[in-house]
Amino acid sequence: MAQHMLASGEFEKLKAHLDVMKTAADARKADADAEASRHKASSAQVDSRTKLIDAMSGHNQAQHDQRMDHAQLVNDTIATHATAARDHAAAHRDRVGAVVDALQPVQSDKSLNAPPQKAAAK
């Protein structure tokens, strides 16, 4: 069509036709640029969401780790207190046993074989 107009000398019509074609090409380019911008924005939004999810995951993992550390500390504290209470009870038992032993009369070989004596009335 453009060659026919050029050959027949219809330069004004040819110029108008070429201007229309340039305008249509510019419109298609603008549509393509707009579509590329939408895709770029969508990609940026996905990247932003991915970063947010990663941050939330890290935050949740940090909270989980903190809770686990706290629970371990509680368990260690309970175990330490239990060990201390057991050691305290053993020491008390040893002291009481020593006092009881000290209060017992010393028995000689004769007294071991002797019949038990009646307690004196008070």
Protein backbone atom coordinates (compact mmCIF):
# COMPACT_ATOMS: atom_id res chain seq x y z
CA MET A 1 0.00 0.00 0.00
CA ALA A 2 2.80 2.44 0.92
CA GLN A 3 4.69 1.53 -2.27
CA HIS A 4 1.56 2.13 -4.37
CA MET A 5 1.07 5.59 -2.80
CA LEU A 6 4.75 6.40 -3.34
CA ALA A 7 4.62 5.24 -6.95
CA SER A 8 1.45 7.23 -7.68
CA GLY A 9 2.81 10.39 -5.99
CA GLU A 10 0.23 10.55 -3.20
CA PHE A 11 2.75 11.85 -0.71
CA GLU A 12 0.25 13.48 1.64
CA LYS A 13 -1.77 10.29 1.91
CA LEU A 14 1.48 8.31 2.36
CA LYS A 15 2.64 10.68 5.10
CA ALA A 16 -0.73 10.38 6.88
CA HIS A 17 -0.63 6.57 6.52
CA LEU A 18 2.91 6.43 7.91
CA ASP A 19 1.93 8.73 10.79
CA VAL A 20 -1.00 6.42 11.63
CA MET A 21 1.29 3.39 11.50
CA LYS A 22 3.88 5.18 13.72
CA THR A 23 1.13 6.09 16.21
CA ALA A 24 -0.09 2.47 16.26
CA ALA A 25 3.48 1.24 16.79
CA ASP A 26 3.98 3.77 19.60
CA ALA A 27 0.73 2.59 21.20
CA ARG A 28 1.85 -1.05 20.99
CA LYS A 29 5.23 -0.09 22.48
CA ALA A 30 3.47 1.80 25.30
CA ASP A 31 1.28 -1.26 25.95
CA ALA A 32 4.37 -3.50 26.01
CA ASP A 33 6.16 -1.09 28.36
CA ALA A 34 3.12 -0.98 30.65
CA GLU A 35 2.94 -4.78 30.66
CA ALA A 36 6.67 -4.98 31.46
CA SER A 37 6.17 -2.50 34.30
CA ARG A 38 3.28 -4.56 35.68
CA HIS A 39 5.42 -7.68 35.58
CA LYS A 40 8.30 -5.85 37.21
CA ALA A 41 5.99 -4.58 39.97
CA SER A 42 4.54 -8.05 40.43
CA SER A 43 8.02 -9.53 40.67
CA ALA A 44 9.01 -6.88 43.22
CA GLN A 45 5.87 -7.67 45.23
CA VAL A 46 6.70 -11.39 45.20
CA ASP A 47 10.28 -10.61 46.29
CA SER A 48 8.96 -8.39 49.07
CA ARG A 49 6.59 -11.10 50.28
CA THR A 50 9.37 -13.68 50.13
CA LYS A 51 11.62 -11.46 52.24
CA LEU A 52 8.80 -10.89 54.71
CA ILE A 53 8.14 -14.63 54.97
CA ASP A 54 11.88 -15.26 55.50
CA ALA A 55 11.98 -12.59 58.20
CA MET A 56 8.90 -14.02 59.92
CA SER A 57 10.36 -17.51 59.73
CA GLY A 58 13.61 -16.28 61.28
CA HIS A 59 11.68 -14.47 63.99
CA ASN A 60 9.62 -17.57 64.77
CA GLN A 61 12.75 -19.72 64.84
CA ALA A 62 14.42 -17.25 67.22
CA GLN A 63 11.38 -17.34 69.52
CA HIS A 64 11.36 -21.14 69.41
CA ASP A 65 15.08 -21.27 70.23
CA GLN A 66 14.60 -18.81 73.09
CA ARG A 67 11.76 -20.92 74.52
CA MET A 68 13.84 -24.09 74.22
CA ASP A 69 16.79 -22.38 75.96
CA HIS A 70 14.47 -21.19 78.73
CA ALA A 71 13.00 -24.69 79.16
CA GLN A 72 16.51 -26.17 79.31
CA LEU A 73 17.47 -23.59 81.93
CA VAL A 74 14.38 -24.50 83.97
CA ASN A 75 15.22 -28.21 83.71
CA ASP A 76 18.83 -27.57 84.72
CA THR A 77 17.68 -25.45 87.66
CA ILE A 78 15.25 -28.12 88.84
CA ALA A 79 17.95 -30.80 88.54
CA THR A 80 20.43 -28.64 90.46
CA HIS A 81 17.90 -28.00 93.22
CA ALA A 82 17.04 -31.70 93.40
CA THR A 83 20.71 -32.61 93.68
CA ALA A 84 21.24 -29.98 96.37
CA ALA A 85 18.21 -31.23 98.32
CA ARG A 86 19.46 -34.84 98.05
CA ASP A 87 22.94 -33.81 99.23
CA HIS A 88 21.44 -31.77 102.07
CA ALA A 89 19.29 -34.74 103.15
CA ALA A 90 22.30 -37.07 103.02
CA ALA A 91 24.36 -34.65 105.12
CA HIS A 92 21.50 -34.34 107.61
CA ARG A 93 21.15 -38.12 107.74
CA ASP A 94 24.88 -38.46 108.38
CA ARG A 95 24.77 -35.84 111.16
CA VAL A 96 21.72 -37.46 112.80
CA GLY A 97 23.33 -40.88 112.46
CA ALA A 98 26.49 -39.58 114.11
CA VAL A 99 24.49 -38.06 116.99
CA VAL A 100 22.50 -41.27 117.46
CA ASP A 101 25.73 -43.27 117.44
CA ALA A 102 27.27 -40.88 119.97
CA LEU A 103 24.30 -41.31 122.30
CA GLN A 104 24.52 -45.11 122.27
CA PRO A 105 26.38 -46.64 125.20
CA VAL A 106 29.68 -48.18 124.36
CA GLN A 107 29.32 -51.92 124.43
CA SER A 108 32.16 -54.17 125.48
CA ASP A 109 32.49 -57.80 124.58
CA LYS A 110 30.94 -58.73 127.92
CA SER A 111 27.91 -56.55 127.42
CA LEU A 112 27.33 -57.97 123.94
CA ASN A 113 26.90 -61.45 125.37
CA ALA A 114 25.03 -60.37 128.52
CA PRO A 115 21.24 -60.63 128.73
CA PRO A 116 19.38 -57.33 128.36
CA GLN A 117 18.91 -55.34 131.56
CA LYS A 118 15.64 -53.94 132.71
CA ALA A 119 15.34 -50.19 132.58
CA ALA A 120 15.36 -48.49 135.96
CA ALA A 121 12.11 -46.85 136.97
CA LYS A 122 12.24 -43.12 137.39
